N, C-alpha and C. Protein backbone atom coordinates (compact mmCIF):
# COMPACT_ATOMS: atom_id res chain seq x y z
N UNK A 1 45.66 91.70 186.66
CA UNK A 1 46.54 91.26 185.55
C UNK A 1 47.65 92.26 185.53
N UNK A 2 48.99 91.85 185.70
CA UNK A 2 50.03 92.76 185.74
C UNK A 2 50.40 93.08 184.34
N UNK A 3 50.68 94.30 184.00
CA UNK A 3 51.09 94.76 182.61
C UNK A 3 52.60 94.39 182.43
N UNK A 4 52.96 93.88 181.27
CA UNK A 4 54.18 93.62 180.88
C UNK A 4 55.17 95.04 180.87
N UNK A 5 56.21 94.80 181.54
CA UNK A 5 57.20 96.05 181.48
C UNK A 5 57.98 96.08 180.29
N UNK A 6 57.88 97.17 179.50
CA UNK A 6 58.74 96.97 178.17
C UNK A 6 60.04 97.67 178.58
N UNK A 7 61.09 97.01 178.12
CA UNK A 7 62.40 97.36 178.33
C UNK A 7 62.66 98.55 177.38
N UNK A 8 63.31 99.69 178.00
CA UNK A 8 63.67 100.76 177.00
C UNK A 8 64.65 100.22 175.86
N UNK A 9 64.49 100.69 174.77
CA UNK A 9 65.38 100.27 173.81
C UNK A 9 66.71 100.82 173.78
N UNK A 10 67.72 100.03 173.53
CA UNK A 10 69.24 100.52 173.59
C UNK A 10 69.48 101.46 172.45
N UNK A 11 70.24 102.61 172.96
CA UNK A 11 70.47 103.44 172.05
C UNK A 11 72.04 103.10 171.43
N UNK A 12 71.72 102.79 170.09
CA UNK A 12 73.13 102.27 169.43
C UNK A 12 73.37 103.32 168.24
N UNK A 13 74.53 103.80 168.29
CA UNK A 13 74.89 104.58 167.16
C UNK A 13 74.88 104.07 165.79
N UNK A 14 74.43 104.72 164.85
CA UNK A 14 74.59 104.35 163.37
C UNK A 14 75.54 105.26 162.47
N UNK A 15 75.77 106.46 163.01
CA UNK A 15 76.72 107.34 162.38
C UNK A 15 77.71 107.95 163.47
N UNK A 16 79.02 107.67 163.28
CA UNK A 16 80.03 108.19 164.13
C UNK A 16 80.65 109.47 163.48
N UNK A 17 80.67 110.52 164.05
CA UNK A 17 81.19 111.85 163.50
C UNK A 17 82.30 112.16 164.53
N UNK A 18 83.56 112.55 163.78
CA UNK A 18 84.57 113.19 164.55
C UNK A 18 84.69 114.67 163.99
N UNK A 19 84.84 115.60 165.09
CA UNK A 19 84.86 116.97 164.65
C UNK A 19 86.34 117.42 164.57
N UNK A 20 86.65 118.30 163.52
CA UNK A 20 87.96 118.96 163.32
C UNK A 20 87.90 119.90 162.10
N UNK A 21 89.28 120.39 161.79
CA UNK A 21 89.30 121.32 160.63
C UNK A 21 90.16 120.58 159.63
N UNK A 22 89.87 120.92 158.31
CA UNK A 22 90.44 120.14 157.17
C UNK A 22 91.96 120.37 156.82
N UNK A 23 92.42 121.57 156.80
CA UNK A 23 93.84 121.85 156.29
C UNK A 23 94.79 121.22 156.85
N UNK A 24 95.85 120.88 156.15
CA UNK A 24 97.10 120.11 156.81
C UNK A 24 97.65 120.86 158.01
N UNK A 25 97.54 122.18 158.16
CA UNK A 25 98.11 122.99 159.39
C UNK A 25 97.38 122.62 160.53
N UNK A 26 96.21 121.91 160.40
CA UNK A 26 95.47 121.64 161.67
C UNK A 26 95.64 120.14 162.09
N UNK A 27 96.31 119.41 161.20
CA UNK A 27 96.67 117.93 161.48
C UNK A 27 97.29 117.84 162.88
N UNK A 28 96.90 116.89 163.61
CA UNK A 28 97.48 116.48 164.94
C UNK A 28 97.38 117.61 166.08
N UNK A 29 96.53 118.51 165.79
CA UNK A 29 96.29 119.47 166.69
C UNK A 29 95.30 118.97 167.68
N UNK A 30 95.23 119.61 168.91
CA UNK A 30 94.30 119.26 170.05
C UNK A 30 92.68 119.28 169.50
N UNK A 31 92.65 120.38 168.81
CA UNK A 31 91.17 120.63 168.32
C UNK A 31 90.83 119.65 167.35
N UNK A 32 91.69 118.91 166.64
CA UNK A 32 91.46 117.85 165.74
C UNK A 32 91.34 116.36 166.16
N UNK A 33 91.30 116.26 167.56
CA UNK A 33 91.29 114.98 168.31
C UNK A 33 90.00 114.12 167.74
N UNK A 34 88.93 114.83 167.31
CA UNK A 34 87.90 114.09 166.80
C UNK A 34 88.09 113.37 165.58
N UNK A 35 88.85 114.01 164.66
CA UNK A 35 89.35 113.58 163.42
C UNK A 35 90.21 112.22 163.58
N UNK A 36 91.13 112.43 164.63
CA UNK A 36 92.05 111.37 165.02
C UNK A 36 91.29 110.28 165.57
N UNK A 37 90.25 110.39 166.20
CA UNK A 37 89.32 109.21 166.57
C UNK A 37 88.82 108.48 165.39
N UNK A 38 88.21 109.21 164.48
CA UNK A 38 87.63 108.54 163.43
C UNK A 38 88.65 107.74 162.64
N UNK A 39 89.98 108.41 162.43
CA UNK A 39 91.06 107.62 161.86
C UNK A 39 91.29 106.35 162.45
N UNK A 40 91.29 106.38 163.78
CA UNK A 40 91.50 105.16 164.62
C UNK A 40 90.52 104.11 164.44
N UNK A 41 89.17 104.59 164.37
CA UNK A 41 88.22 103.62 164.21
C UNK A 41 88.18 103.02 162.79
N UNK A 42 88.69 104.01 161.88
CA UNK A 42 88.75 103.50 160.40
C UNK A 42 89.84 102.43 160.33
N UNK A 43 90.93 102.66 161.05
CA UNK A 43 92.02 101.65 160.97
C UNK A 43 91.61 100.28 161.74
N UNK A 44 90.98 100.44 162.93
CA UNK A 44 90.69 99.32 163.75
C UNK A 44 89.60 98.46 163.05
N UNK A 45 88.55 99.10 162.34
CA UNK A 45 87.57 98.35 161.66
C UNK A 45 87.75 98.13 160.11
N UNK A 46 88.93 98.59 159.69
CA UNK A 46 89.13 98.39 158.37
C UNK A 46 88.13 98.98 157.38
N UNK A 47 87.56 100.18 157.76
CA UNK A 47 86.53 100.87 156.83
C UNK A 47 87.29 102.14 156.33
N UNK A 48 87.62 102.06 154.92
CA UNK A 48 88.35 103.10 154.37
C UNK A 48 87.54 104.30 154.29
N UNK A 49 88.23 105.61 154.31
CA UNK A 49 87.47 106.90 154.25
C UNK A 49 87.78 107.32 153.08
N UNK A 50 86.78 108.06 152.28
CA UNK A 50 87.18 108.75 151.15
C UNK A 50 86.35 110.08 150.98
N UNK A 51 86.90 111.10 150.28
CA UNK A 51 86.04 112.21 150.21
C UNK A 51 84.67 112.20 149.51
N UNK A 52 83.70 112.58 150.06
CA UNK A 52 82.36 112.46 149.49
C UNK A 52 81.74 113.85 149.50
N UNK A 53 81.71 114.39 148.11
CA UNK A 53 81.26 115.90 148.10
C UNK A 53 79.89 116.07 148.42
N UNK A 54 78.93 115.11 148.23
CA UNK A 54 77.64 115.20 148.64
C UNK A 54 77.44 115.40 150.13
N UNK A 55 78.41 114.71 150.98
CA UNK A 55 78.30 114.95 152.39
C UNK A 55 79.27 115.85 152.87
N UNK A 56 80.06 116.52 151.95
CA UNK A 56 81.03 117.57 152.35
C UNK A 56 82.03 116.98 153.40
N UNK A 57 82.35 115.73 153.33
CA UNK A 57 83.20 115.33 154.34
C UNK A 57 84.04 114.03 153.83
N UNK A 58 84.90 113.55 154.54
CA UNK A 58 85.52 112.15 154.47
C UNK A 58 84.53 111.25 155.06
N UNK A 59 84.12 110.20 154.25
CA UNK A 59 82.91 109.25 154.64
C UNK A 59 83.37 107.87 154.36
N UNK A 60 83.02 107.05 155.14
CA UNK A 60 83.14 105.40 154.99
C UNK A 60 82.14 104.74 155.65
N UNK A 61 81.81 103.46 155.07
CA UNK A 61 80.75 102.63 155.88
C UNK A 61 81.28 101.20 155.80
N UNK A 62 80.87 100.52 156.81
CA UNK A 62 81.26 99.08 156.81
C UNK A 62 80.67 98.46 158.04
N UNK A 63 81.21 97.30 158.45
CA UNK A 63 80.68 96.40 159.64
C UNK A 63 81.69 96.65 160.72
N UNK A 64 81.13 97.11 161.98
CA UNK A 64 81.93 97.15 163.24
C UNK A 64 81.88 95.90 163.94
N UNK A 65 82.82 95.48 164.64
CA UNK A 65 82.96 94.28 165.43
C UNK A 65 81.80 94.20 166.44
N UNK A 66 81.12 93.03 166.13
CA UNK A 66 80.09 92.59 167.15
C UNK A 66 78.76 93.60 166.82
N UNK A 67 78.79 94.32 165.73
CA UNK A 67 77.64 95.16 165.44
C UNK A 67 77.27 95.06 164.14
N UNK A 68 76.38 95.92 163.62
CA UNK A 68 75.97 95.89 162.28
C UNK A 68 76.59 96.83 161.47
N UNK A 69 75.90 97.41 160.51
CA UNK A 69 76.52 98.54 159.71
C UNK A 69 76.69 99.85 160.45
N UNK A 70 77.86 100.35 160.06
CA UNK A 70 78.17 101.63 160.83
C UNK A 70 78.88 102.66 159.69
N UNK A 71 78.49 103.79 160.13
CA UNK A 71 79.04 105.01 159.14
C UNK A 71 79.98 105.93 159.91
N UNK A 72 81.19 106.22 159.17
CA UNK A 72 82.16 107.17 159.67
C UNK A 72 82.14 108.45 159.15
N UNK A 73 82.40 109.57 159.66
CA UNK A 73 82.28 110.78 159.01
C UNK A 73 83.14 111.97 159.77
N UNK A 74 84.12 112.51 158.85
CA UNK A 74 84.92 113.63 159.19
C UNK A 74 84.47 114.93 158.34
N UNK A 75 83.68 115.74 158.93
CA UNK A 75 83.25 116.93 158.08
C UNK A 75 84.52 117.65 157.55
N UNK A 76 84.52 118.22 156.40
CA UNK A 76 85.46 118.94 155.75
C UNK A 76 85.03 120.33 155.51
N UNK A 77 84.10 120.77 156.39
CA UNK A 77 83.46 122.17 156.24
C UNK A 77 84.10 123.24 157.15
N UNK A 78 84.99 122.84 157.97
CA UNK A 78 85.53 123.73 158.95
C UNK A 78 84.63 123.61 160.08
N UNK A 79 85.20 123.52 161.31
CA UNK A 79 84.55 123.28 162.63
C UNK A 79 83.21 123.93 162.81
N UNK A 80 83.10 125.25 162.50
CA UNK A 80 81.82 125.97 162.76
C UNK A 80 80.90 125.70 161.95
N UNK A 81 80.92 124.89 160.87
CA UNK A 81 80.00 124.52 159.93
C UNK A 81 79.85 123.02 159.94
N UNK A 82 80.34 122.23 160.89
CA UNK A 82 80.21 120.88 160.85
C UNK A 82 78.84 120.21 160.81
N UNK A 83 77.79 121.00 161.34
CA UNK A 83 76.45 120.53 161.20
C UNK A 83 75.89 120.24 159.83
N UNK A 84 76.46 121.01 158.87
CA UNK A 84 75.99 120.86 157.29
C UNK A 84 76.21 119.55 156.83
N UNK A 85 77.59 119.16 157.18
CA UNK A 85 77.96 117.69 156.70
C UNK A 85 77.21 116.77 157.43
N UNK A 86 77.10 116.76 158.74
CA UNK A 86 76.22 115.77 159.49
C UNK A 86 74.83 115.61 158.98
N UNK A 87 74.22 116.94 158.73
CA UNK A 87 72.79 116.79 158.32
C UNK A 87 72.70 116.25 156.91
N UNK A 88 73.76 116.36 156.01
CA UNK A 88 73.77 115.86 154.76
C UNK A 88 73.67 114.28 154.81
N UNK A 89 74.37 113.79 155.82
CA UNK A 89 74.31 112.28 155.93
C UNK A 89 73.09 111.75 156.53
N UNK A 90 72.51 112.40 157.73
CA UNK A 90 71.41 112.02 158.32
C UNK A 90 70.23 112.14 157.36
N UNK A 91 70.07 113.14 156.42
CA UNK A 91 68.99 113.41 155.67
C UNK A 91 68.99 112.24 154.49
N UNK A 92 70.10 112.07 154.00
CA UNK A 92 70.23 111.15 152.93
C UNK A 92 69.89 109.61 153.38
N UNK A 93 70.37 109.23 154.54
CA UNK A 93 70.02 107.87 154.99
C UNK A 93 68.81 107.88 155.96
N UNK A 94 68.24 109.11 156.22
CA UNK A 94 67.02 109.09 157.14
C UNK A 94 67.54 108.59 158.50
N UNK A 95 68.49 109.06 158.99
CA UNK A 95 68.97 108.46 160.34
C UNK A 95 68.40 109.52 161.42
N UNK A 96 67.86 109.17 162.47
CA UNK A 96 67.18 109.94 163.67
C UNK A 96 68.47 110.63 164.36
N UNK A 97 68.24 111.82 164.85
CA UNK A 97 69.42 112.45 165.41
C UNK A 97 70.22 111.70 166.67
N UNK A 98 69.23 110.96 167.32
CA UNK A 98 69.83 110.13 168.52
C UNK A 98 70.79 108.96 168.08
N UNK A 99 70.70 108.70 166.68
CA UNK A 99 71.71 107.68 166.32
C UNK A 99 73.21 108.14 165.84
N UNK A 100 73.25 109.46 166.10
CA UNK A 100 74.67 110.15 165.65
C UNK A 100 75.41 110.36 166.93
N UNK A 101 76.56 109.68 166.95
CA UNK A 101 77.60 109.78 167.96
C UNK A 101 78.66 110.86 167.59
N UNK A 102 78.77 111.98 168.28
CA UNK A 102 79.73 113.13 167.89
C UNK A 102 81.00 112.96 168.94
N UNK A 103 82.07 112.86 168.27
CA UNK A 103 83.38 112.91 169.10
C UNK A 103 84.12 114.20 168.84
N UNK A 104 84.59 114.88 170.04
CA UNK A 104 85.19 116.16 169.95
C UNK A 104 86.05 116.41 171.03
N UNK A 105 86.92 117.50 170.94
CA UNK A 105 87.74 117.73 172.12
C UNK A 105 87.05 118.67 173.07
N UNK A 106 87.68 118.57 174.33
CA UNK A 106 87.11 119.29 175.42
C UNK A 106 88.20 119.80 176.26
N UNK A 107 88.29 121.08 176.46
CA UNK A 107 89.38 121.84 177.26
C UNK A 107 89.19 121.60 178.78
N UNK A 108 87.85 121.46 179.10
CA UNK A 108 87.60 121.28 180.40
C UNK A 108 87.80 119.94 181.11
N UNK A 109 88.20 119.00 180.35
CA UNK A 109 88.55 117.65 180.84
C UNK A 109 90.11 117.60 180.65
N UNK A 110 90.54 117.03 181.79
CA UNK A 110 92.08 116.68 181.62
C UNK A 110 92.51 115.77 180.49
N UNK A 111 93.79 115.74 180.08
CA UNK A 111 94.12 114.87 179.06
C UNK A 111 94.12 113.46 179.78
N UNK A 112 93.60 112.58 179.08
CA UNK A 112 93.41 111.24 179.57
C UNK A 112 92.09 110.80 179.94
N UNK A 113 91.18 111.80 179.98
CA UNK A 113 89.80 111.56 180.36
C UNK A 113 88.93 111.57 179.26
N UNK A 114 87.86 110.92 179.35
CA UNK A 114 86.74 110.78 178.24
C UNK A 114 85.49 111.03 178.97
N UNK A 115 84.49 111.62 178.24
CA UNK A 115 83.10 111.78 178.87
C UNK A 115 82.11 111.55 177.78
N UNK A 116 81.29 110.30 178.04
CA UNK A 116 80.24 110.02 177.00
C UNK A 116 78.88 110.44 177.72
N UNK A 117 78.08 111.13 176.98
CA UNK A 117 76.74 111.53 177.38
C UNK A 117 75.74 111.32 176.45
N UNK A 118 74.51 111.41 176.78
CA UNK A 118 73.38 110.97 175.87
C UNK A 118 72.81 112.33 175.20
N UNK A 119 73.19 113.29 175.81
CA UNK A 119 72.69 114.61 175.28
C UNK A 119 73.36 115.84 176.10
N UNK A 120 73.08 117.02 175.69
CA UNK A 120 73.62 118.19 176.42
C UNK A 120 73.89 119.28 175.48
N UNK A 121 74.19 120.37 176.20
CA UNK A 121 74.47 121.80 175.32
C UNK A 121 75.86 121.53 174.62
N UNK A 122 76.12 122.61 173.80
CA UNK A 122 77.44 122.73 173.08
C UNK A 122 78.55 122.97 173.86
N UNK A 123 78.25 123.58 175.19
CA UNK A 123 79.46 123.97 175.87
C UNK A 123 80.45 125.08 175.40
N UNK A 124 79.96 125.75 174.54
CA UNK A 124 80.80 126.82 173.90
C UNK A 124 81.71 126.31 172.75
N UNK A 125 81.49 125.05 172.49
CA UNK A 125 82.24 124.44 171.34
C UNK A 125 81.48 124.60 169.98
N UNK A 126 82.20 125.40 169.04
CA UNK A 126 81.62 125.76 167.72
C UNK A 126 81.22 124.69 166.98
N UNK A 127 81.76 123.52 166.92
CA UNK A 127 81.48 122.49 166.14
C UNK A 127 80.12 121.79 166.63
N UNK A 128 80.00 121.79 168.06
CA UNK A 128 78.77 121.14 168.52
C UNK A 128 77.59 122.26 168.33
N UNK A 129 77.84 123.50 168.40
CA UNK A 129 76.85 124.43 168.25
C UNK A 129 76.30 124.38 166.88
N UNK A 130 77.06 124.00 165.94
CA UNK A 130 76.46 123.78 164.53
C UNK A 130 75.85 122.40 164.37
N UNK A 131 76.29 121.40 165.03
CA UNK A 131 75.73 120.22 164.89
C UNK A 131 74.24 120.21 165.64
N UNK A 132 74.20 120.84 166.79
CA UNK A 132 72.82 121.00 167.32
C UNK A 132 71.89 121.65 166.58
N UNK A 133 72.36 122.80 165.95
CA UNK A 133 71.71 123.84 165.15
C UNK A 133 71.10 123.16 163.88
N UNK A 134 72.00 122.15 163.24
CA UNK A 134 71.34 121.43 162.08
C UNK A 134 70.74 120.29 162.26
N UNK A 135 70.94 119.62 163.39
CA UNK A 135 70.26 118.48 163.85
C UNK A 135 68.82 118.85 164.58
N UNK A 136 68.81 120.22 164.95
CA UNK A 136 67.58 120.82 165.49
C UNK A 136 67.28 120.13 166.92
N UNK A 137 68.35 119.61 167.43
CA UNK A 137 68.06 119.07 168.92
C UNK A 137 69.36 118.87 169.49
N UNK A 138 69.46 118.87 170.87
CA UNK A 138 70.84 118.41 171.57
C UNK A 138 70.64 117.17 172.05
N UNK A 139 69.60 116.27 171.64
CA UNK A 139 69.48 115.03 172.29
C UNK A 139 70.20 114.06 171.32
N UNK A 140 71.35 113.91 171.38
CA UNK A 140 72.10 112.86 170.56
C UNK A 140 73.43 112.71 171.31
N UNK A 141 73.90 111.47 171.34
CA UNK A 141 75.06 111.13 172.06
C UNK A 141 76.52 111.79 171.68
N UNK A 142 77.31 112.18 172.60
CA UNK A 142 78.58 112.75 172.34
C UNK A 142 79.68 112.02 173.28
N UNK A 143 80.81 112.02 172.76
CA UNK A 143 81.99 111.61 173.44
C UNK A 143 82.96 112.61 173.29
N UNK A 144 83.36 113.19 174.60
CA UNK A 144 84.23 114.43 174.71
C UNK A 144 85.66 113.77 175.10
N UNK A 145 86.67 114.25 174.49
CA UNK A 145 87.94 113.83 174.72
C UNK A 145 88.71 114.85 175.31
N UNK A 146 89.36 114.74 176.63
CA UNK A 146 90.05 115.84 177.33
C UNK A 146 91.25 116.22 176.72
N UNK A 147 91.49 117.48 176.39
CA UNK A 147 92.71 118.06 176.04
C UNK A 147 93.42 119.04 177.00
N UNK A 148 92.92 118.94 178.06
CA UNK A 148 93.37 119.90 179.22
C UNK A 148 93.32 121.38 178.83
N UNK A 149 93.81 122.17 179.70
CA UNK A 149 93.77 123.64 179.39
C UNK A 149 95.02 124.17 179.77
N UNK A 150 95.46 125.35 179.18
CA UNK A 150 96.66 125.93 179.45
C UNK A 150 96.70 126.65 181.00
N UNK A 151 97.77 126.81 181.63
CA UNK A 151 97.72 127.35 182.81
C UNK A 151 97.24 128.71 182.93
N UNK A 152 97.63 129.56 181.93
CA UNK A 152 97.03 130.79 181.80
C UNK A 152 95.55 130.82 181.03
N UNK A 153 94.58 131.23 181.60
CA UNK A 153 93.25 131.21 181.07
C UNK A 153 93.04 132.42 180.18
N UNK A 154 93.99 133.21 179.75
CA UNK A 154 93.91 134.16 178.86
C UNK A 154 93.18 133.63 177.50
N UNK A 155 92.37 134.28 176.75
CA UNK A 155 91.88 133.84 175.67
C UNK A 155 92.63 133.46 174.52
N UNK A 156 93.69 134.16 174.32
CA UNK A 156 94.68 134.13 173.18
C UNK A 156 95.45 132.74 173.63
N UNK A 157 95.76 132.57 174.89
CA UNK A 157 96.46 131.37 175.19
C UNK A 157 95.57 130.17 174.96
N UNK A 158 94.30 130.19 175.38
CA UNK A 158 93.43 129.08 174.94
C UNK A 158 93.31 128.81 173.51
N UNK A 159 93.31 129.71 172.70
CA UNK A 159 93.27 129.47 171.34
C UNK A 159 94.57 128.89 170.80
N UNK A 160 95.63 129.28 171.25
CA UNK A 160 96.93 128.67 170.73
C UNK A 160 97.10 127.32 171.36
N UNK A 161 96.51 127.02 172.62
CA UNK A 161 96.46 125.56 173.19
C UNK A 161 95.75 124.72 172.15
N UNK A 162 94.46 125.07 171.87
CA UNK A 162 93.62 124.25 171.28
C UNK A 162 94.02 124.03 169.86
N UNK A 163 94.70 125.10 169.31
CA UNK A 163 95.09 124.72 167.80
C UNK A 163 96.64 124.36 167.73
N UNK A 164 97.19 124.17 169.04
CA UNK A 164 98.58 123.70 169.00
C UNK A 164 98.57 122.01 169.05
N UNK A 165 99.85 121.51 168.81
CA UNK A 165 100.04 120.23 168.70
C UNK A 165 100.47 119.57 170.08
N UNK A 166 100.31 118.21 170.17
CA UNK A 166 100.65 117.70 171.46
C UNK A 166 102.20 117.51 171.61
N UNK A 167 102.62 117.53 172.82
CA UNK A 167 104.09 117.32 173.01
C UNK A 167 104.49 115.87 172.77
N UNK A 168 105.65 115.50 172.73
CA UNK A 168 106.13 114.12 172.56
C UNK A 168 105.49 113.16 173.49
N UNK A 169 105.48 113.59 174.86
CA UNK A 169 105.00 112.74 175.95
C UNK A 169 103.43 112.61 175.73
N UNK A 170 102.74 113.76 175.43
CA UNK A 170 101.34 113.71 175.26
C UNK A 170 100.78 112.87 174.11
N UNK A 171 101.73 112.87 172.93
CA UNK A 171 101.31 112.06 171.82
C UNK A 171 101.39 110.54 172.18
N UNK A 172 102.32 110.14 173.10
CA UNK A 172 102.20 108.75 173.48
C UNK A 172 100.96 108.48 174.24
N UNK A 173 100.51 109.43 175.13
CA UNK A 173 99.27 109.21 175.86
C UNK A 173 98.12 109.22 174.87
N UNK A 174 98.18 110.09 173.83
CA UNK A 174 96.94 110.14 172.95
C UNK A 174 96.86 108.85 172.28
N UNK A 175 97.94 108.28 171.98
CA UNK A 175 97.79 106.90 171.19
C UNK A 175 96.88 105.98 172.14
N UNK A 176 97.38 105.82 173.30
CA UNK A 176 96.69 104.92 174.20
C UNK A 176 95.17 105.44 174.39
N UNK A 177 94.90 106.64 174.61
CA UNK A 177 93.65 107.25 174.54
C UNK A 177 92.77 106.82 173.46
N UNK A 178 93.30 107.07 172.31
CA UNK A 178 92.47 106.75 171.15
C UNK A 178 92.28 105.28 170.97
N UNK A 179 93.11 104.29 171.46
CA UNK A 179 92.68 102.89 171.64
C UNK A 179 91.54 102.69 172.68
N UNK A 180 91.46 103.58 173.65
CA UNK A 180 90.50 103.48 174.66
C UNK A 180 89.25 104.09 174.08
N UNK A 181 89.32 105.02 173.27
CA UNK A 181 88.09 105.58 172.59
C UNK A 181 87.54 104.48 171.46
N UNK A 182 88.39 103.72 170.98
CA UNK A 182 87.81 102.74 170.10
C UNK A 182 87.05 101.70 170.88
N UNK A 183 87.53 101.26 172.08
CA UNK A 183 86.95 100.33 172.99
C UNK A 183 85.64 100.87 173.47
N UNK A 184 85.65 102.28 173.75
CA UNK A 184 84.23 102.80 174.31
C UNK A 184 83.26 102.85 173.18
N UNK A 185 83.59 103.13 171.98
CA UNK A 185 82.65 103.07 170.94
C UNK A 185 82.28 101.79 170.52
N UNK A 186 83.04 100.79 170.49
CA UNK A 186 82.79 99.35 170.23
C UNK A 186 81.63 98.96 171.34
N UNK A 187 81.96 99.26 172.59
CA UNK A 187 81.08 98.89 173.72
C UNK A 187 79.64 99.64 173.59
N UNK A 188 79.73 100.72 172.96
CA UNK A 188 78.43 101.55 172.74
C UNK A 188 77.59 100.80 171.72
N UNK A 189 78.25 100.24 170.69
CA UNK A 189 77.61 99.67 169.61
C UNK A 189 77.06 98.35 169.92
N UNK A 190 77.85 97.60 170.97
CA UNK A 190 77.23 96.27 171.48
C UNK A 190 76.19 96.36 172.67
N UNK A 191 76.50 97.37 173.54
CA UNK A 191 75.64 97.40 174.78
C UNK A 191 74.71 98.66 174.82
N UNK A 192 74.90 99.47 173.89
CA UNK A 192 74.18 100.69 174.10
C UNK A 192 74.94 101.80 174.70
N UNK A 193 74.67 103.01 174.27
CA UNK A 193 75.35 104.20 174.88
C UNK A 193 75.34 104.33 176.39
N UNK A 194 74.26 104.04 176.89
CA UNK A 194 74.03 104.34 178.30
C UNK A 194 74.92 103.32 179.07
N UNK A 195 74.95 102.10 178.83
CA UNK A 195 75.89 101.11 179.48
C UNK A 195 77.34 101.63 179.33
N UNK A 196 77.74 101.93 178.10
CA UNK A 196 79.03 102.27 177.78
C UNK A 196 79.47 103.56 178.66
N UNK A 197 78.52 104.38 179.03
CA UNK A 197 78.86 105.58 179.84
C UNK A 197 79.69 105.14 181.13
N UNK A 198 79.06 104.14 181.91
CA UNK A 198 79.80 103.86 183.11
C UNK A 198 81.39 103.26 182.81
N UNK A 199 81.45 102.56 181.79
CA UNK A 199 82.85 102.31 181.51
C UNK A 199 83.85 103.42 180.92
N UNK A 200 83.38 104.21 180.09
CA UNK A 200 84.12 105.35 179.51
C UNK A 200 84.27 106.56 180.42
N UNK A 201 83.44 106.79 181.37
CA UNK A 201 83.60 107.81 182.24
C UNK A 201 84.28 107.73 183.53
N UNK A 202 84.54 106.48 183.87
CA UNK A 202 85.27 106.12 185.09
C UNK A 202 86.71 105.97 185.10
N UNK A 203 87.27 105.74 183.96
CA UNK A 203 88.70 105.48 183.75
C UNK A 203 89.57 106.54 183.17
N UNK A 204 90.72 106.81 183.76
CA UNK A 204 91.60 107.80 183.25
C UNK A 204 92.71 106.97 182.58
N UNK A 205 93.10 107.43 181.43
CA UNK A 205 94.22 106.83 180.69
C UNK A 205 95.49 107.44 181.10
N UNK A 206 96.33 106.60 181.38
CA UNK A 206 97.69 107.04 181.82
C UNK A 206 98.92 106.36 181.29
N UNK A 207 99.90 106.93 181.11
CA UNK A 207 101.15 106.29 180.75
C UNK A 207 101.62 105.45 181.83
N UNK A 208 102.04 104.20 181.61
CA UNK A 208 102.61 103.40 182.66
C UNK A 208 104.08 103.82 182.92
N UNK A 209 104.56 103.91 184.15
CA UNK A 209 105.82 104.40 184.39
C UNK A 209 106.83 103.41 184.30
């Protein structure tokens, strides 16, 4: 008698978190691309965000297309304490870590590229270090958005690059890239993160000439 093969259950995010820094001086900076992604999802799905003191962040919940209930979060704790806000939501709603999808910037990826992964280390990103520390695991999905790196690899150059704003041409590209991020996240919700990885990791978003 053959045993029935059980299909692995799909990993469907329930909480989507974008990492960034709260003050106006950080608006539209490369380091805040995670916040921009949550704003794009909020607009696309008509889920309003409002400050939630209990969660130490801007929070909203609603229904995503082709999916069930979804929660959006922008931690307002500053980047290196993002995990406090994430943990506040997961503890309150009793969400498992693997149901949290974190979106953040990555200098090691060129502008126009995204990388969706099921787990991994922080890779030197302070927001992710905090998320891993507070969730007590690195086994949760993450979507990295490439912001490119400066030609000079000097540390002060890297900091000013990350905290700098996009150029006019880059801003056009970011608008297209954020549309693609919305598509990737929607695909993750409908088909699971693993299937979405094929789509999100193979494409480079470019401006049409």
